[in-house]
Amino acid sequence: GRRLLREYYRGYVEIARAHDAPLRLETPTWRASADWGA
């Protein structure tokens, strides 16, 4: 899973590099709260 996430985010690293733009990385934690986690 961590390898897949790295591959996923690196795709956007390349877009930022291609456009000489800053990058915003957001954690994959949209569901990582108490009710969903339980």
ModelCIF file with pLDDT and N, C-alpha, C, O atoms, coordinates in Angstrom:
data_MODEL
#
_entry.id   MODEL 
#
_entity.id                         1 
_entity.type                       polymer 
_entity.pdbx_number_of_molecules   1 
#
_entity_poly.entity_id                      1 
_entity_poly.type                           'polypeptide(L)' 
_entity_poly.nstd_linkage                   no 
_entity_poly.nstd_monomer                   no 
_entity_poly.pdbx_seq_one_letter_code       GRRLLREYYRGYVEIARAHDAPLRLETPTWRASADWGA 
_entity_poly.pdbx_seq_one_letter_code_can   GRRLLREYYRGYVEIARAHDAPLRLETPTWRASADWGA 
_entity_poly.pdbx_strand_id                 A 
#
loop_
_entity_poly_seq.entity_id 
_entity_poly_seq.num 
_entity_poly_seq.mon_id 
_entity_poly_seq.hetero 
1 1  GLY n 
1 2  ARG n 
1 3  ARG n 
1 4  LEU n 
1 5  LEU n 
1 6  ARG n 
1 7  GLU n 
1 8  TYR n 
1 9  TYR n 
1 10 ARG n 
1 11 GLY n 
1 12 TYR n 
1 13 VAL n 
1 14 GLU n 
1 15 ILE n 
1 16 ALA n 
1 17 ARG n 
1 18 ALA n 
1 19 HIS n 
1 20 ASP n 
1 21 ALA n 
1 22 PRO n 
1 23 LEU n 
1 24 ARG n 
1 25 LEU n 
1 26 GLU n 
1 27 THR n 
1 28 PRO n 
1 29 THR n 
1 30 TRP n 
1 31 ARG n 
1 32 ALA n 
1 33 SER n 
1 34 ALA n 
1 35 ASP n 
1 36 TRP n 
1 37 GLY n 
1 38 ALA n 
#
_struct_asym.id          A 
_struct_asym.entity_id   1 
#
loop_
_ma_qa_metric.id 
_ma_qa_metric.mode 
_ma_qa_metric.name 
_ma_qa_metric.software_group_id 
_ma_qa_metric.type 
1 global pLDDT . pLDDT 
2 local  pLDDT . pLDDT 
#
_ma_qa_metric_global.metric_id      1 
_ma_qa_metric_global.metric_value   97.82 
_ma_qa_metric_global.model_id       1 
_ma_qa_metric_global.ordinal_id     1 
#
loop_
_ma_qa_metric_local.label_asym_id 
_ma_qa_metric_local.label_comp_id 
_ma_qa_metric_local.label_seq_id 
_ma_qa_metric_local.metric_id 
_ma_qa_metric_local.metric_value 
_ma_qa_metric_local.model_id 
_ma_qa_metric_local.ordinal_id 
A GLY 1  2 98.00 1 1  
A ARG 2  2 98.00 1 2  
A ARG 3  2 98.00 1 3  
A LEU 4  2 98.00 1 4  
A LEU 5  2 98.00 1 5  
A ARG 6  2 98.00 1 6  
A GLU 7  2 98.00 1 7  
A TYR 8  2 98.00 1 8  
A TYR 9  2 98.00 1 9  
A ARG 10 2 98.00 1 10 
A GLY 11 2 98.00 1 11 
A TYR 12 2 98.00 1 12 
A VAL 13 2 98.00 1 13 
A GLU 14 2 98.00 1 14 
A ILE 15 2 98.00 1 15 
A ALA 16 2 98.00 1 16 
A ARG 17 2 98.00 1 17 
A ALA 18 2 97.00 1 18 
A HIS 19 2 96.00 1 19 
A ASP 20 2 96.00 1 20 
A ALA 21 2 97.00 1 21 
A PRO 22 2 98.00 1 22 
A LEU 23 2 98.00 1 23 
A ARG 24 2 98.00 1 24 
A LEU 25 2 98.00 1 25 
A GLU 26 2 98.00 1 26 
A THR 27 2 99.00 1 27 
A PRO 28 2 98.00 1 28 
A THR 29 2 98.00 1 29 
A TRP 30 2 98.00 1 30 
A ARG 31 2 98.00 1 31 
A ALA 32 2 98.00 1 32 
A SER 33 2 98.00 1 33 
A ALA 34 2 98.00 1 34 
A ASP 35 2 97.00 1 35 
A TRP 36 2 97.00 1 36 
A GLY 37 2 98.00 1 37 
A ALA 38 2 98.00 1 38 
#
loop_
_atom_site.group_PDB 
_atom_site.id 
_atom_site.type_symbol 
_atom_site.label_atom_id 
_atom_site.label_alt_id 
_atom_site.label_comp_id 
_atom_site.label_asym_id 
_atom_site.label_entity_id 
_atom_site.label_seq_id 
_atom_site.pdbx_PDB_ins_code 
_atom_site.Cartn_x 
_atom_site.Cartn_y 
_atom_site.Cartn_z 
_atom_site.occupancy 
_atom_site.B_iso_or_equiv 
_atom_site.pdbx_formal_charge 
_atom_site.auth_seq_id 
_atom_site.auth_comp_id 
_atom_site.auth_asym_id 
_atom_site.auth_atom_id 
_atom_site.pdbx_PDB_model_num 
ATOM 1   N N  . GLY A 1 1  ? 0.811   -1.207 0.000   1.00 98.00 ? 1  GLY A N  1 
ATOM 2   C CA . GLY A 1 1  ? 0.000   0.000  0.000   1.00 98.00 ? 1  GLY A CA 1 
ATOM 3   C C  . GLY A 1 1  ? 0.841   1.252  0.000   1.00 98.00 ? 1  GLY A C  1 
ATOM 4   O O  . GLY A 1 1  ? 0.546   2.199  -0.729  1.00 98.00 ? 1  GLY A O  1 
ATOM 5   N N  . ARG A 1 2  ? 1.894   1.273  0.813   1.00 98.00 ? 2  ARG A N  1 
ATOM 6   C CA . ARG A 1 2  ? 2.775   2.445  0.839   1.00 98.00 ? 2  ARG A CA 1 
ATOM 7   C C  . ARG A 1 2  ? 3.482   2.633  -0.498  1.00 98.00 ? 2  ARG A C  1 
ATOM 8   O O  . ARG A 1 2  ? 3.666   3.761  -0.958  1.00 98.00 ? 2  ARG A O  1 
ATOM 9   N N  . ARG A 1 3  ? 3.878   1.522  -1.121  1.00 98.00 ? 3  ARG A N  1 
ATOM 10  C CA . ARG A 1 3  ? 4.514   1.626  -2.444  1.00 98.00 ? 3  ARG A CA 1 
ATOM 11  C C  . ARG A 1 3  ? 3.530   2.206  -3.461  1.00 98.00 ? 3  ARG A C  1 
ATOM 12  O O  . ARG A 1 3  ? 3.901   3.038  -4.288  1.00 98.00 ? 3  ARG A O  1 
ATOM 13  N N  . LEU A 1 4  ? 2.286   1.766  -3.392  1.00 98.00 ? 4  LEU A N  1 
ATOM 14  C CA . LEU A 1 4  ? 1.276   2.270  -4.322  1.00 98.00 ? 4  LEU A CA 1 
ATOM 15  C C  . LEU A 1 4  ? 1.013   3.759  -4.088  1.00 98.00 ? 4  LEU A C  1 
ATOM 16  O O  . LEU A 1 4  ? 0.878   4.526  -5.041  1.00 98.00 ? 4  LEU A O  1 
ATOM 17  N N  . LEU A 1 5  ? 0.942   4.160  -2.830  1.00 98.00 ? 5  LEU A N  1 
ATOM 18  C CA . LEU A 1 5  ? 0.734   5.574  -2.529  1.00 98.00 ? 5  LEU A CA 1 
ATOM 19  C C  . LEU A 1 5  ? 1.907   6.413  -3.024  1.00 98.00 ? 5  LEU A C  1 
ATOM 20  O O  . LEU A 1 5  ? 1.707   7.502  -3.563  1.00 98.00 ? 5  LEU A O  1 
ATOM 21  N N  . ARG A 1 6  ? 3.114   5.922  -2.848  1.00 98.00 ? 6  ARG A N  1 
ATOM 22  C CA . ARG A 1 6  ? 4.277   6.650  -3.351  1.00 98.00 ? 6  ARG A CA 1 
ATOM 23  C C  . ARG A 1 6  ? 4.192   6.829  -4.876  1.00 98.00 ? 6  ARG A C  1 
ATOM 24  O O  . ARG A 1 6  ? 4.455   7.910  -5.403  1.00 98.00 ? 6  ARG A O  1 
ATOM 25  N N  . GLU A 1 7  ? 3.826   5.760  -5.559  1.00 98.00 ? 7  GLU A N  1 
ATOM 26  C CA . GLU A 1 7  ? 3.696   5.828  -7.014  1.00 98.00 ? 7  GLU A CA 1 
ATOM 27  C C  . GLU A 1 7  ? 2.623   6.830  -7.416  1.00 98.00 ? 7  GLU A C  1 
ATOM 28  O O  . GLU A 1 7  ? 2.796   7.604  -8.357  1.00 98.00 ? 7  GLU A O  1 
ATOM 29  N N  . TYR A 1 8  ? 1.516   6.801  -6.690  1.00 98.00 ? 8  TYR A N  1 
ATOM 30  C CA . TYR A 1 8  ? 0.410   7.717  -6.982  1.00 98.00 ? 8  TYR A CA 1 
ATOM 31  C C  . TYR A 1 8  ? 0.854   9.165  -6.844  1.00 98.00 ? 8  TYR A C  1 
ATOM 32  O O  . TYR A 1 8  ? 0.681   9.956  -7.771  1.00 98.00 ? 8  TYR A O  1 
ATOM 33  N N  . TYR A 1 9  ? 1.425   9.522  -5.695  1.00 98.00 ? 9  TYR A N  1 
ATOM 34  C CA . TYR A 1 9  ? 1.807   10.917 -5.459  1.00 98.00 ? 9  TYR A CA 1 
ATOM 35  C C  . TYR A 1 9  ? 2.931   11.367 -6.386  1.00 98.00 ? 9  TYR A C  1 
ATOM 36  O O  . TYR A 1 9  ? 2.996   12.539 -6.757  1.00 98.00 ? 9  TYR A O  1 
ATOM 37  N N  . ARG A 1 10 ? 3.808   10.454 -6.761  1.00 98.00 ? 10 ARG A N  1 
ATOM 38  C CA . ARG A 1 10 ? 4.910   10.844 -7.638  1.00 98.00 ? 10 ARG A CA 1 
ATOM 39  C C  . ARG A 1 10 ? 4.411   11.301 -9.002  1.00 98.00 ? 10 ARG A C  1 
ATOM 40  O O  . ARG A 1 10 ? 5.074   12.090 -9.676  1.00 98.00 ? 10 ARG A O  1 
ATOM 41  N N  . GLY A 1 11 ? 3.237   10.807 -9.415  1.00 98.00 ? 11 GLY A N  1 
ATOM 42  C CA . GLY A 1 11 ? 2.669   11.289 -10.673 1.00 98.00 ? 11 GLY A CA 1 
ATOM 43  C C  . GLY A 1 11 ? 2.410   12.787 -10.632 1.00 98.00 ? 11 GLY A C  1 
ATOM 44  O O  . GLY A 1 11 ? 2.553   13.474 -11.643 1.00 98.00 ? 11 GLY A O  1 
ATOM 45  N N  . TYR A 1 12 ? 2.028   13.294 -9.466  1.00 98.00 ? 12 TYR A N  1 
ATOM 46  C CA . TYR A 1 12 ? 1.750   14.724 -9.315  1.00 98.00 ? 12 TYR A CA 1 
ATOM 47  C C  . TYR A 1 12 ? 3.027   15.520 -9.057  1.00 98.00 ? 12 TYR A C  1 
ATOM 48  O O  . TYR A 1 12 ? 3.099   16.708 -9.372  1.00 98.00 ? 12 TYR A O  1 
ATOM 49  N N  . VAL A 1 13 ? 4.025   14.865 -8.487  1.00 98.00 ? 13 VAL A N  1 
ATOM 50  C CA . VAL A 1 13 ? 5.353   15.484 -8.420  1.00 98.00 ? 13 VAL A CA 1 
ATOM 51  C C  . VAL A 1 13 ? 5.824   15.830 -9.826  1.00 98.00 ? 13 VAL A C  1 
ATOM 52  O O  . VAL A 1 13 ? 6.365   16.911 -10.059 1.00 98.00 ? 13 VAL A O  1 
ATOM 53  N N  . GLU A 1 14 ? 5.616   14.906 -10.762 1.00 98.00 ? 14 GLU A N  1 
ATOM 54  C CA . GLU A 1 14 ? 6.074   15.136 -12.139 1.00 98.00 ? 14 GLU A CA 1 
ATOM 55  C C  . GLU A 1 14 ? 5.291   16.253 -12.814 1.00 98.00 ? 14 GLU A C  1 
ATOM 56  O O  . GLU A 1 14 ? 5.858   17.013 -13.599 1.00 98.00 ? 14 GLU A O  1 
ATOM 57  N N  . ILE A 1 15 ? 4.006   16.364 -12.524 1.00 98.00 ? 15 ILE A N  1 
ATOM 58  C CA . ILE A 1 15 ? 3.222   17.473 -13.098 1.00 98.00 ? 15 ILE A CA 1 
ATOM 59  C C  . ILE A 1 15 ? 3.743   18.803 -12.566 1.00 98.00 ? 15 ILE A C  1 
ATOM 60  O O  . ILE A 1 15 ? 3.912   19.756 -13.327 1.00 98.00 ? 15 ILE A O  1 
ATOM 61  N N  . ALA A 1 16 ? 3.997   18.869 -11.266 1.00 98.00 ? 16 ALA A N  1 
ATOM 62  C CA . ALA A 1 16 ? 4.542   20.099 -10.689 1.00 98.00 ? 16 ALA A CA 1 
ATOM 63  C C  . ALA A 1 16 ? 5.898   20.432 -11.298 1.00 98.00 ? 16 ALA A C  1 
ATOM 64  O O  . ALA A 1 16 ? 6.180   21.591 -11.603 1.00 98.00 ? 16 ALA A O  1 
ATOM 65  N N  . ARG A 1 17 ? 6.736   19.415 -11.474 1.00 98.00 ? 17 ARG A N  1 
ATOM 66  C CA . ARG A 1 17 ? 8.055   19.650 -12.064 1.00 98.00 ? 17 ARG A CA 1 
ATOM 67  C C  . ARG A 1 17 ? 7.924   20.150 -13.503 1.00 98.00 ? 17 ARG A C  1 
ATOM 68  O O  . ARG A 1 17 ? 8.645   21.059 -13.914 1.00 98.00 ? 17 ARG A O  1 
ATOM 69  N N  . ALA A 1 18 ? 7.009   19.558 -14.263 1.00 97.00 ? 18 ALA A N  1 
ATOM 70  C CA . ALA A 1 18 ? 6.846   19.946 -15.670 1.00 97.00 ? 18 ALA A CA 1 
ATOM 71  C C  . ALA A 1 18 ? 6.406   21.392 -15.813 1.00 97.00 ? 18 ALA A C  1 
ATOM 72  O O  . ALA A 1 18 ? 6.729   22.050 -16.802 1.00 97.00 ? 18 ALA A O  1 
ATOM 73  N N  . HIS A 1 19 ? 5.667   21.888 -14.824 1.00 96.00 ? 19 HIS A N  1 
ATOM 74  C CA . HIS A 1 19 ? 5.140   23.255 -14.908 1.00 96.00 ? 19 HIS A CA 1 
ATOM 75  C C  . HIS A 1 19 ? 5.860   24.213 -13.978 1.00 96.00 ? 19 HIS A C  1 
ATOM 76  O O  . HIS A 1 19 ? 5.429   25.351 -13.787 1.00 96.00 ? 19 HIS A O  1 
ATOM 77  N N  . ASP A 1 20 ? 6.969   23.745 -13.396 1.00 96.00 ? 20 ASP A N  1 
ATOM 78  C CA . ASP A 1 20 ? 7.758   24.589 -12.503 1.00 96.00 ? 20 ASP A CA 1 
ATOM 79  C C  . ASP A 1 20 ? 6.852   25.235 -11.457 1.00 96.00 ? 20 ASP A C  1 
ATOM 80  O O  . ASP A 1 20 ? 6.951   26.428 -11.170 1.00 96.00 ? 20 ASP A O  1 
ATOM 81  N N  . ALA A 1 21 ? 5.968   24.411 -10.899 1.00 97.00 ? 21 ALA A N  1 
ATOM 82  C CA . ALA A 1 21 ? 4.953   24.900 -9.968  1.00 97.00 ? 21 ALA A CA 1 
ATOM 83  C C  . ALA A 1 21 ? 5.171   24.286 -8.591  1.00 97.00 ? 21 ALA A C  1 
ATOM 84  O O  . ALA A 1 21 ? 5.727   23.193 -8.489  1.00 97.00 ? 21 ALA A O  1 
ATOM 85  N N  . PRO A 1 22 ? 4.750   24.960 -7.542  1.00 98.00 ? 22 PRO A N  1 
ATOM 86  C CA . PRO A 1 22 ? 4.791   24.352 -6.212  1.00 98.00 ? 22 PRO A CA 1 
ATOM 87  C C  . PRO A 1 22 ? 3.771   23.219 -6.118  1.00 98.00 ? 22 PRO A C  1 
ATOM 88  O O  . PRO A 1 22 ? 2.801   23.174 -6.876  1.00 98.00 ? 22 PRO A O  1 
ATOM 89  N N  . LEU A 1 23 ? 4.004   22.319 -5.189  1.00 98.00 ? 23 LEU A N  1 
ATOM 90  C CA . LEU A 1 23 ? 3.179   21.121 -5.047  1.00 98.00 ? 23 LEU A CA 1 
ATOM 91  C C  . LEU A 1 23 ? 2.524   21.095 -3.676  1.00 98.00 ? 23 LEU A C  1 
ATOM 92  O O  . LEU A 1 23 ? 3.123   21.474 -2.669  1.00 98.00 ? 23 LEU A O  1 
ATOM 93  N N  . ARG A 1 24 ? 1.280   20.636 -3.663  1.00 98.00 ? 24 ARG A N  1 
ATOM 94  C CA . ARG A 1 24 ? 0.529   20.441 -2.430  1.00 98.00 ? 24 ARG A CA 1 
ATOM 95  C C  . ARG A 1 24 ? 0.227   18.947 -2.309  1.00 98.00 ? 24 ARG A C  1 
ATOM 96  O O  . ARG A 1 24 ? -0.464  18.378 -3.154  1.00 98.00 ? 24 ARG A O  1 
ATOM 97  N N  . LEU A 1 25 ? 0.748   18.316 -1.257  1.00 98.00 ? 25 LEU A N  1 
ATOM 98  C CA . LEU A 1 25 ? 0.501   16.905 -0.996  1.00 98.00 ? 25 LEU A CA 1 
ATOM 99  C C  . LEU A 1 25 ? -0.457  16.790 0.181   1.00 98.00 ? 25 LEU A C  1 
ATOM 100 O O  . LEU A 1 25 ? -0.218  17.363 1.244   1.00 98.00 ? 25 LEU A O  1 
ATOM 101 N N  . GLU A 1 26 ? -1.547  16.044 -0.012  1.00 98.00 ? 26 GLU A N  1 
ATOM 102 C CA . GLU A 1 26 ? -2.566  15.888 1.022   1.00 98.00 ? 26 GLU A CA 1 
ATOM 103 C C  . GLU A 1 26 ? -2.607  14.438 1.492   1.00 98.00 ? 26 GLU A C  1 
ATOM 104 O O  . GLU A 1 26 ? -2.601  13.514 0.679   1.00 98.00 ? 26 GLU A O  1 
ATOM 105 N N  . THR A 1 27 ? -2.648  14.248 2.795   1.00 99.00 ? 27 THR A N  1 
ATOM 106 C CA . THR A 1 27 ? -2.590  12.908 3.361   1.00 99.00 ? 27 THR A CA 1 
ATOM 107 C C  . THR A 1 27 ? -3.803  12.071 2.959   1.00 99.00 ? 27 THR A C  1 
ATOM 108 O O  . THR A 1 27 ? -4.889  12.618 2.767   1.00 99.00 ? 27 THR A O  1 
ATOM 109 N N  . PRO A 1 28 ? -3.636  10.756 2.828   1.00 98.00 ? 28 PRO A N  1 
ATOM 110 C CA . PRO A 1 28 ? -4.748  9.870  2.456   1.00 98.00 ? 28 PRO A CA 1 
ATOM 111 C C  . PRO A 1 28 ? -5.613  9.501  3.658   1.00 98.00 ? 28 PRO A C  1 
ATOM 112 O O  . PRO A 1 28 ? -5.899  8.327  3.892   1.00 98.00 ? 28 PRO A O  1 
ATOM 113 N N  . THR A 1 29 ? -6.026  10.518 4.420   1.00 98.00 ? 29 THR A N  1 
ATOM 114 C CA . THR A 1 29 ? -6.662  10.287 5.720   1.00 98.00 ? 29 THR A CA 1 
ATOM 115 C C  . THR A 1 29 ? -8.091  10.814 5.785   1.00 98.00 ? 29 THR A C  1 
ATOM 116 O O  . THR A 1 29 ? -8.593  11.107 6.870   1.00 98.00 ? 29 THR A O  1 
ATOM 117 N N  . TRP A 1 30 ? -8.746  10.936 4.643   1.00 98.00 ? 30 TRP A N  1 
ATOM 118 C CA . TRP A 1 30 ? -10.107 11.452 4.582   1.00 98.00 ? 30 TRP A CA 1 
ATOM 119 C C  . TRP A 1 30 ? -11.068 10.655 5.470   1.00 98.00 ? 30 TRP A C  1 
ATOM 120 O O  . TRP A 1 30 ? -12.027 11.207 6.010   1.00 98.00 ? 30 TRP A O  1 
ATOM 121 N N  . ARG A 1 31 ? -10.802 9.353  5.616   1.00 98.00 ? 31 ARG A N  1 
ATOM 122 C CA . ARG A 1 31 ? -11.649 8.495  6.448   1.00 98.00 ? 31 ARG A CA 1 
ATOM 123 C C  . ARG A 1 31 ? -11.010 8.134  7.791   1.00 98.00 ? 31 ARG A C  1 
ATOM 124 O O  . ARG A 1 31 ? -11.568 7.318  8.524   1.00 98.00 ? 31 ARG A O  1 
ATOM 125 N N  . ALA A 1 32 ? -9.871  8.710  8.131   1.00 98.00 ? 32 ALA A N  1 
ATOM 126 C CA . ALA A 1 32 ? -9.125  8.274  9.316   1.00 98.00 ? 32 ALA A CA 1 
ATOM 127 C C  . ALA A 1 32 ? -9.582  8.999  10.578  1.00 98.00 ? 32 ALA A C  1 
ATOM 128 O O  . ALA A 1 32 ? -8.776  9.589  11.298  1.00 98.00 ? 32 ALA A O  1 
ATOM 129 N N  . SER A 1 33 ? -10.888 8.944  10.834  1.00 98.00 ? 33 SER A N  1 
ATOM 130 C CA . SER A 1 33 ? -11.461 9.516  12.048  1.00 98.00 ? 33 SER A CA 1 
ATOM 131 C C  . SER A 1 33 ? -12.232 8.426  12.795  1.00 98.00 ? 33 SER A C  1 
ATOM 132 O O  . SER A 1 33 ? -12.384 7.310  12.297  1.00 98.00 ? 33 SER A O  1 
ATOM 133 N N  . ALA A 1 34 ? -12.709 8.756  13.981  1.00 98.00 ? 34 ALA A N  1 
ATOM 134 C CA . ALA A 1 34 ? -13.151 7.732  14.939  1.00 98.00 ? 34 ALA A CA 1 
ATOM 135 C C  . ALA A 1 34 ? -14.234 6.795  14.418  1.00 98.00 ? 34 ALA A C  1 
ATOM 136 O O  . ALA A 1 34 ? -14.071 5.577  14.483  1.00 98.00 ? 34 ALA A O  1 
ATOM 137 N N  . ASP A 1 35 ? -15.338 7.339  13.902  1.00 97.00 ? 35 ASP A N  1 
ATOM 138 C CA . ASP A 1 35 ? -16.445 6.468  13.494  1.00 97.00 ? 35 ASP A CA 1 
ATOM 139 C C  . ASP A 1 35 ? -16.051 5.560  12.339  1.00 97.00 ? 35 ASP A C  1 
ATOM 140 O O  . ASP A 1 35 ? -16.328 4.361  12.357  1.00 97.00 ? 35 ASP A O  1 
ATOM 141 N N  . TRP A 1 36 ? -15.404 6.140  11.336  1.00 97.00 ? 36 TRP A N  1 
ATOM 142 C CA . TRP A 1 36 ? -14.994 5.342  10.178  1.00 97.00 ? 36 TRP A CA 1 
ATOM 143 C C  . TRP A 1 36 ? -13.890 4.362  10.569  1.00 97.00 ? 36 TRP A C  1 
ATOM 144 O O  . TRP A 1 36 ? -13.890 3.215  10.123  1.00 97.00 ? 36 TRP A O  1 
ATOM 145 N N  . GLY A 1 37 ? -12.959 4.809  11.393  1.00 98.00 ? 37 GLY A N  1 
ATOM 146 C CA . GLY A 1 37 ? -11.887 3.925  11.817  1.00 98.00 ? 37 GLY A CA 1 
ATOM 147 C C  . GLY A 1 37 ? -12.405 2.725  12.587  1.00 98.00 ? 37 GLY A C  1 
ATOM 148 O O  . GLY A 1 37 ? -11.924 1.608  12.401  1.00 98.00 ? 37 GLY A O  1 
ATOM 149 N N  . ALA A 1 38 ? -13.391 2.955  13.457  1.00 98.00 ? 38 ALA A N  1 
ATOM 150 C CA . ALA A 1 38 ? -13.944 1.855  14.244  1.00 98.00 ? 38 ALA A CA 1 
ATOM 151 C C  . ALA A 1 38 ? -14.541 0.778  13.344  1.00 98.00 ? 38 ALA A C  1 
ATOM 152 O O  . ALA A 1 38 ? -15.053 -0.226 13.839  1.00 98.00 ? 38 ALA A O  1 
#
